[in-house]
C-alpha atoms as a PDB file:
ATOM      1  CA  MET A   1     152.328  97.363  99.278  1.00  0.00           C
ATOM      2  CA  VAL A   2     149.609  98.606  96.935  1.00  0.00           C
ATOM      3  CA  SER A   3     146.444  96.503  97.079  1.00  0.00           C
ATOM      4  CA  GLU A   4     144.588  95.477  93.950  1.00  0.00           C
ATOM      5  CA  PRO A   5     141.444  97.425  93.063  1.00  0.00           C
ATOM      6  CA  VAL A   6     138.261  95.654  94.121  1.00  0.00           C
ATOM      7  CA  GLY A   7     137.101  95.370  90.501  1.00  0.00           C
ATOM      8  CA  LEU A   8     140.312  93.662  89.450  1.00  0.00           C
ATOM      9  CA  ARG A   9     140.144  91.186  92.337  1.00  0.00           C
ATOM     10  CA  ALA A  10     136.550  90.361  91.462  1.00  0.00           C
ATOM     11  CA  ARG A  11     137.455  89.745  87.820  1.00  0.00           C
ATOM     12  CA  LYS A  12     140.352  87.498  88.828  1.00  0.00           C
ATOM     13  CA  LYS A  13     138.063  85.491  91.111  1.00  0.00           C
ATOM     14  CA  LEU A  14     135.521  85.137  88.317  1.00  0.00           C
ATOM     15  CA  ARG A  15     138.199  83.958  85.892  1.00  0.00           C
ATOM     16  CA  THR A  16     139.462  81.414  88.422  1.00  0.00           C
ATOM     17  CA  ARG A  17     135.935  80.169  89.077  1.00  0.00           C
ATOM     18  CA  ASP A  18     135.202  79.816  85.375  1.00  0.00           C
ATOM     19  CA  ALA A  19     138.515  78.068  84.724  1.00  0.00           C
ATOM     20  CA  ILE A  20     137.857  75.493  87.457  1.00  0.00           C
ATOM     21  CA  ALA A  21     134.322  74.891  86.195  1.00  0.00           C
ATOM     22  CA  ASP A  22     135.486  74.516  82.588  1.00  0.00           C
ATOM     23  CA  VAL A  23     138.013  71.874  83.615  1.00  0.00           C
ATOM     24  CA  ALA A  24     135.391  70.062  85.689  1.00  0.00           C
ATOM     25  CA  ILE A  25     132.818  70.031  82.900  1.00  0.00           C
ATOM     26  CA  THR A  26     135.379  68.710  80.419  1.00  0.00           C
ATOM     27  CA  LEU A  27     136.249  65.861  82.783  1.00  0.00           C
ATOM     28  CA  PHE A  28     132.631  65.078  83.624  1.00  0.00           C
ATOM     29  CA  LEU A  29     131.584  64.948  79.977  1.00  0.00           C
ATOM     30  CA  ALA A  30     134.550  62.766  79.046  1.00  0.00           C
ATOM     31  CA  ARG A  31     134.429  60.289  81.936  1.00  0.00           C
ATOM     32  CA  GLY A  32     131.029  60.641  83.608  1.00  0.00           C
ATOM     33  CA  PHE A  33     130.101  62.589  86.722  1.00  0.00           C
ATOM     34  CA  ASP A  34     130.421  59.729  89.209  1.00  0.00           C
ATOM     35  CA  GLN A  35     133.770  58.626  87.776  1.00  0.00           C
ATOM     36  CA  VAL A  36     135.474  61.973  88.468  1.00  0.00           C
ATOM     37  CA  SER A  37     136.377  63.034  92.001  1.00  0.00           C
ATOM     38  CA  VAL A  38     136.798  66.525  93.380  1.00  0.00           C
ATOM     39  CA  SER A  39     140.495  65.711  93.782  1.00  0.00           C
ATOM     40  CA  ASP A  40     140.659  64.894  90.067  1.00  0.00           C
ATOM     41  CA  VAL A  41     139.165  68.269  89.216  1.00  0.00           C
ATOM     42  CA  ALA A  42     141.450  70.156  91.607  1.00  0.00           C
ATOM     43  CA  ALA A  43     144.525  68.439  90.197  1.00  0.00           C
ATOM     44  CA  ALA A  44     143.524  69.092  86.591  1.00  0.00           C
ATOM     45  CA  ALA A  45     142.705  72.733  87.379  1.00  0.00           C
ATOM     46  CA  GLU A  46     145.982  73.088  89.324  1.00  0.00           C
ATOM     47  CA  VAL A  47     144.309  74.340  92.489  1.00  0.00           C
ATOM     48  CA  SER A  48     144.012  72.876  95.979  1.00  0.00           C
ATOM     49  CA  LYS A  49     140.780  71.277  97.192  1.00  0.00           C
ATOM     50  CA  PRO A  50     140.248  74.061  99.776  1.00  0.00           C
ATOM     51  CA  THR A  51     140.568  76.620  96.963  1.00  0.00           C
ATOM     52  CA  LEU A  52     138.080  74.700  94.841  1.00  0.00           C
ATOM     53  CA  PHE A  53     135.561  74.581  97.690  1.00  0.00           C
ATOM     54  CA  ARG A  54     135.881  78.347  98.179  1.00  0.00           C
ATOM     55  CA  TYR A  55     134.284  78.707  94.760  1.00  0.00           C
ATOM     56  CA  PHE A  56     131.944  75.702  94.720  1.00  0.00           C
ATOM     57  CA  ALA A  57     130.148  74.385  97.787  1.00  0.00           C
ATOM     58  CA  THR A  58     129.554  70.905  96.340  1.00  0.00           C
ATOM     59  CA  LYS A  59     130.820  68.699  93.548  1.00  0.00           C
ATOM     60  CA  GLU A  60     127.462  69.118  91.807  1.00  0.00           C
ATOM     61  CA  ASP A  61     127.898  72.886  91.739  1.00  0.00           C
ATOM     62  CA  LEU A  62     131.006  72.467  89.581  1.00  0.00           C
ATOM     63  CA  LEU A  63     128.688  71.409  86.768  1.00  0.00           C
ATOM     64  CA  LEU A  64     125.506  73.235  87.670  1.00  0.00           C
ATOM     65  CA  HIS A  65     127.019  76.711  88.078  1.00  0.00           C
ATOM     66  CA  ARG A  66     125.660  77.489  84.607  1.00  0.00           C
ATOM     67  CA  PHE A  67     122.163  77.089  86.030  1.00  0.00           C
ATOM     68  CA  ALA A  68     123.160  78.930  89.187  1.00  0.00           C
ATOM     69  CA  ASP A  69     124.143  81.920  87.048  1.00  0.00           C
ATOM     70  CA  HIS A  70     120.417  82.229  86.219  1.00  0.00           C
ATOM     71  CA  LEU A  71     119.325  81.913  89.846  1.00  0.00           C
ATOM     72  CA  GLY A  72     116.683  84.498  90.698  1.00  0.00           C
ATOM     73  CA  GLU A  73     116.085  85.385  87.053  1.00  0.00           C
ATOM     74  CA  PRO A  74     112.262  84.903  87.085  1.00  0.00           C
ATOM     75  CA  ALA A  75     112.001  87.155  90.135  1.00  0.00           C
ATOM     76  CA  ARG A  76     114.149  89.822  88.454  1.00  0.00           C
ATOM     77  CA  VAL A  77     112.011  89.665  85.308  1.00  0.00           C
ATOM     78  CA  VAL A  78     108.854  90.307  87.327  1.00  0.00           C
ATOM     79  CA  ARG A  79     110.425  92.960  89.523  1.00  0.00           C
ATOM     80  CA  ASP A  80     111.899  94.888  86.563  1.00  0.00           C
ATOM     81  CA  ARG A  81     108.970  94.522  84.148  1.00  0.00           C
ATOM     82  CA  PRO A  82     107.632  97.660  82.404  1.00  0.00           C
ATOM     83  CA  PRO A  83     104.649  99.390  83.987  1.00  0.00           C
ATOM     84  CA  GLY A  84     101.340  97.833  83.028  1.00  0.00           C
ATOM     85  CA  VAL A  85     102.804  94.459  82.004  1.00  0.00           C
ATOM     86  CA  PRO A  86     101.364  91.567  84.060  1.00  0.00           C
ATOM     87  CA  PRO A  87     103.885  89.210  85.684  1.00  0.00           C
ATOM     88  CA  VAL A  88     103.023  86.168  83.554  1.00  0.00           C
ATOM     89  CA  GLU A  89     103.233  88.230  80.367  1.00  0.00           C
ATOM     90  CA  ALA A  90     106.680  89.507  81.351  1.00  0.00           C
ATOM     91  CA  LEU A  91     107.861  85.947  82.055  1.00  0.00           C
ATOM     92  CA  HIS A  92     106.418  84.760  78.742  1.00  0.00           C
ATOM     93  CA  ARG A  93     108.235  87.468  76.814  1.00  0.00           C
ATOM     94  CA  HIS A  94     111.471  86.643  78.602  1.00  0.00           C
ATOM     95  CA  PHE A  95     111.227  82.940  77.819  1.00  0.00           C
ATOM     96  CA  ARG A  96     110.359  83.646  74.185  1.00  0.00           C
ATOM     97  CA  ALA A  97     113.383  85.933  73.906  1.00  0.00           C
ATOM     98  CA  GLY A  98     115.526  83.118  75.299  1.00  0.00           C
ATOM     99  CA  LEU A  99     114.180  80.775  72.627  1.00  0.00           C
ATOM    100  CA  ASP A 100     115.000  83.312  69.914  1.00  0.00           C
ATOM    101  CA  ARG A 101     118.583  83.438  71.214  1.00  0.00           C
ATOM    102  CA  CYS A 102     118.762  79.623  71.616  1.00  0.00           C
ATOM    103  CA  GLU A 103     119.821  80.046  75.213  1.00  0.00           C
ATOM    104  CA  PRO A 104     120.830  76.701  76.776  1.00  0.00           C
ATOM    105  CA  VAL A 105     118.609  77.335  79.803  1.00  0.00           C
ATOM    106  CA  THR A 106     115.559  77.037  77.485  1.00  0.00           C
ATOM    107  CA  GLY A 107     116.742  73.641  76.242  1.00  0.00           C
ATOM    108  CA  LEU A 108     116.763  74.974  72.681  1.00  0.00           C
ATOM    109  CA  ASN A 109     120.455  74.718  71.890  1.00  0.00           C
ATOM    110  CA  ASP A 110     121.938  72.076  69.631  1.00  0.00           C
ATOM    111  CA  HIS A 111     125.629  72.587  70.330  1.00  0.00           C
ATOM    112  CA  PRO A 112     126.955  69.060  70.998  1.00  0.00           C
ATOM    113  CA  GLU A 113     128.497  70.040  74.339  1.00  0.00           C
ATOM    114  CA  VAL A 114     125.246  71.639  75.515  1.00  0.00           C
ATOM    115  CA  VAL A 115     123.223  68.575  74.498  1.00  0.00           C
ATOM    116  CA  ALA A 116     125.714  66.304  76.308  1.00  0.00           C
ATOM    117  CA  PHE A 117     125.714  68.647  79.316  1.00  0.00           C
ATOM    118  CA  HIS A 118     121.943  68.406  79.688  1.00  0.00           C
ATOM    119  CA  ARG A 119     122.011  64.635  79.199  1.00  0.00           C
ATOM    120  CA  LEU A 120     124.503  64.340  82.050  1.00  0.00           C
ATOM    121  CA  VAL A 121     122.389  66.526  84.322  1.00  0.00           C
ATOM    122  CA  PHE A 122     119.105  64.764  83.596  1.00  0.00           C
ATOM    123  CA  THR A 123     120.517  61.239  83.910  1.00  0.00           C
ATOM    124  CA  THR A 124     122.632  61.694  87.061  1.00  0.00           C
ATOM    125  CA  PRO A 125     120.464  61.511  90.203  1.00  0.00           C
ATOM    126  CA  SER A 126     122.681  63.716  92.379  1.00  0.00           C
ATOM    127  CA  LEU A 127     122.783  66.424  89.708  1.00  0.00           C
ATOM    128  CA  ALA A 128     119.033  66.263  89.123  1.00  0.00           C
ATOM    129  CA  GLY A 129     118.486  66.577  92.864  1.00  0.00           C
ATOM    130  CA  ARG A 130     120.798  69.574  93.177  1.00  0.00           C
ATOM    131  CA  LEU A 131     119.108  71.226  90.191  1.00  0.00           C
ATOM    132  CA  LEU A 132     115.764  70.795  91.940  1.00  0.00           C
ATOM    133  CA  ARG A 133     117.172  72.787  94.864  1.00  0.00           C
ATOM    134  CA  TYR A 134     118.036  75.624  92.481  1.00  0.00           C
ATOM    135  CA  LEU A 135     114.515  75.540  91.071  1.00  0.00           C
ATOM    136  CA  GLU A 136     113.038  75.640  94.572  1.00  0.00           C
ATOM    137  CA  ASP A 137     115.152  78.707  95.340  1.00  0.00           C
ATOM    138  CA  ASP A 138     113.862  80.328  92.142  1.00  0.00           C
ATOM    139  CA  GLU A 139     110.319  79.475  93.180  1.00  0.00           C
ATOM    140  CA  ASP A 140     110.790  81.071  96.601  1.00  0.00           C
ATOM    141  CA  ALA A 141     112.290  84.240  95.113  1.00  0.00           C
ATOM    142  CA  LEU A 142     109.544  84.532  92.503  1.00  0.00           C
ATOM    143  CA  ALA A 143     106.794  84.014  95.073  1.00  0.00           C
ATOM    144  CA  ALA A 144     108.251  86.795  97.191  1.00  0.00           C
ATOM    145  CA  VAL A 145     107.827  89.367  94.409  1.00  0.00           C
ATOM    146  CA  LEU A 146     104.433  88.067  93.253  1.00  0.00           C
ATOM    147  CA  ASP A 147     102.499  87.756  96.488  1.00  0.00           C
ATOM    148  CA  PRO A 148     103.624  86.823 100.015  1.00  0.00           C
ATOM    149  CA  GLY A 149     100.608  84.528 100.453  1.00  0.00           C
ATOM    150  CA  VAL A 150      99.634  81.124  99.140  1.00  0.00           C
ATOM    151  CA  ARG A 151      98.434  82.534  95.813  1.00  0.00           C
ATOM    152  CA  GLY A 152     101.887  83.844  95.024  1.00  0.00           C
ATOM    153  CA  ARG A 153     103.513  80.553  95.932  1.00  0.00           C
ATOM    154  CA  LEU A 154     101.069  78.614  93.776  1.00  0.00           C
ATOM    155  CA  LEU A 155     101.686  80.843  90.769  1.00  0.00           C
ATOM    156  CA  ALA A 156     105.458  80.738  91.270  1.00  0.00           C
ATOM    157  CA  ALA A 157     105.371  76.933  91.432  1.00  0.00           C
ATOM    158  CA  GLN A 158     103.370  76.810  88.198  1.00  0.00           C
ATOM    159  CA  VAL A 159     105.733  79.181  86.391  1.00  0.00           C
ATOM    160  CA  ILE A 160     108.863  77.280  87.418  1.00  0.00           C
ATOM    161  CA  ALA A 161     107.248  73.962  86.483  1.00  0.00           C
ATOM    162  CA  VAL A 162     106.220  75.304  83.066  1.00  0.00           C
ATOM    163  CA  GLN A 163     109.717  76.568  82.316  1.00  0.00           C
ATOM    164  CA  ARG A 164     111.268  73.289  83.469  1.00  0.00           C
ATOM    165  CA  VAL A 165     108.946  71.151  81.327  1.00  0.00           C
ATOM    166  CA  LEU A 166     109.384  73.366  78.264  1.00  0.00           C
ATOM    167  CA  ALA A 167     113.185  73.315  78.559  1.00  0.00           C
ATOM    168  CA  ARG A 168     113.382  69.567  79.021  1.00  0.00           C
ATOM    169  CA  THR A 169     110.992  68.938  76.134  1.00  0.00           C
ATOM    170  CA  ASN A 170     113.092  71.123  73.854  1.00  0.00           C
ATOM    171  CA  TRP A 171     116.237  69.267  74.877  1.00  0.00           C
ATOM    172  CA  GLN A 172     114.604  65.871  74.305  1.00  0.00           C
ATOM    173  CA  ARG A 173     113.638  66.826  70.770  1.00  0.00           C
ATOM    174  CA  ILE A 174     117.165  67.971  69.994  1.00  0.00           C
ATOM    175  CA  ALA A 175     118.714  64.935  71.707  1.00  0.00           C
ATOM    176  CA  ALA A 176     116.596  62.794  69.371  1.00  0.00           C
ATOM    177  CA  GLY A 177     118.522  64.227  66.439  1.00  0.00           C
ATOM    178  CA  ARG A 178     116.755  67.408  65.369  1.00  0.00           C
ATOM    179  CA  SER A 179     118.338  70.854  65.089  1.00  0.00           C
ATOM    180  CA  ALA A 180     117.394  73.870  67.173  1.00  0.00           C
ATOM    181  CA  ARG A 181     116.106  75.552  64.017  1.00  0.00           C
ATOM    182  CA  GLN A 182     113.810  72.617  63.333  1.00  0.00           C
ATOM    183  CA  VAL A 183     112.514  72.528  66.893  1.00  0.00           C
ATOM    184  CA  LEU A 184     112.043  76.295  67.266  1.00  0.00           C
ATOM    185  CA  PRO A 185     108.478  76.529  65.827  1.00  0.00           C
ATOM    186  CA  GLU A 186     107.240  73.805  68.199  1.00  0.00           C
ATOM    187  CA  ALA A 187     109.121  75.327  71.109  1.00  0.00           C
ATOM    188  CA  VAL A 188     107.514  78.717  70.470  1.00  0.00           C
ATOM    189  CA  ALA A 189     104.042  77.193  70.070  1.00  0.00           C
ATOM    190  CA  ASP A 190     104.433  75.193  73.286  1.00  0.00           C
ATOM    191  CA  ALA A 191     105.634  78.245  75.205  1.00  0.00           C
ATOM    192  CA  ASP A 192     102.781  80.391  73.896  1.00  0.00           C
ATOM    193  CA  ASP A 193     100.220  77.738  74.827  1.00  0.00           C
ATOM    194  CA  ALA A 194     101.701  77.083  78.277  1.00  0.00           C
ATOM    195  CA  PHE A 195     101.871  80.732  79.285  1.00  0.00           C
ATOM    196  CA  ALA A 196      98.386  81.383  77.853  1.00  0.00           C
ATOM    197  CA  ARG A 197      97.078  78.665  80.164  1.00  0.00           C
ATOM    198  CA  LEU A 198      98.879  80.305  83.075  1.00  0.00           C
ATOM    199  CA  ARG A 199      97.325  83.666  82.208  1.00  0.00           C
ATOM    200  CA  ARG A 200      93.840  82.163  82.095  1.00  0.00           C
ATOM    201  CA  CYS A 201      94.383  80.733  85.573  1.00  0.00           C
ATOM    202  CA  THR A 202      95.694  84.017  86.954  1.00  0.00           C
ATOM    203  CA  ASP A 203      93.667  86.724  85.231  1.00  0.00           C
ATOM    204  CA  ASP A 204      93.190  88.549  88.511  1.00  0.00           C
ATOM    205  CA  HIS A 205      96.801  88.224  89.686  1.00  0.00           C
END
């Protein structure tokens, strides 16, 4: 029997993972996170519960995998920055580029499903708690590439907090009824101000 190439198997696993997550998100948005069980998701996705848990460790991860796909991103931005570019400047440029592309992770995306997705995350305690774990992992990874000491951890905590506050503020403005285009100038100004404050605090980092 000829085995499948590794690349093909990986793509099939990714497609299965995405298909399960898409079904879960549709159910969660329609009925509410706490009103949908893992069994409901497995049945709708036509997979067994053991199969589902091979792809997602917790029920919360079924929804939050979109954030998990960005896990470690701040650390990668710092690690791969061009020579001579300070860490905070590289992170600022990356966040600004995300705003320009209206990436959901920046909060600046007015697609109805994205707005509803963020509302569900921010208003469901178990999801908010799981998201905090992701952010803590990002903080640890970023600190490791900045500085192994306390200074690196402090800067990493500030960066992650700034990005979290900016993203949530952008989402709140859009959830109040404004478009991403309307919010963009404020989002850019807020990001520029926030990262400028970080730079002033870390001029010698």
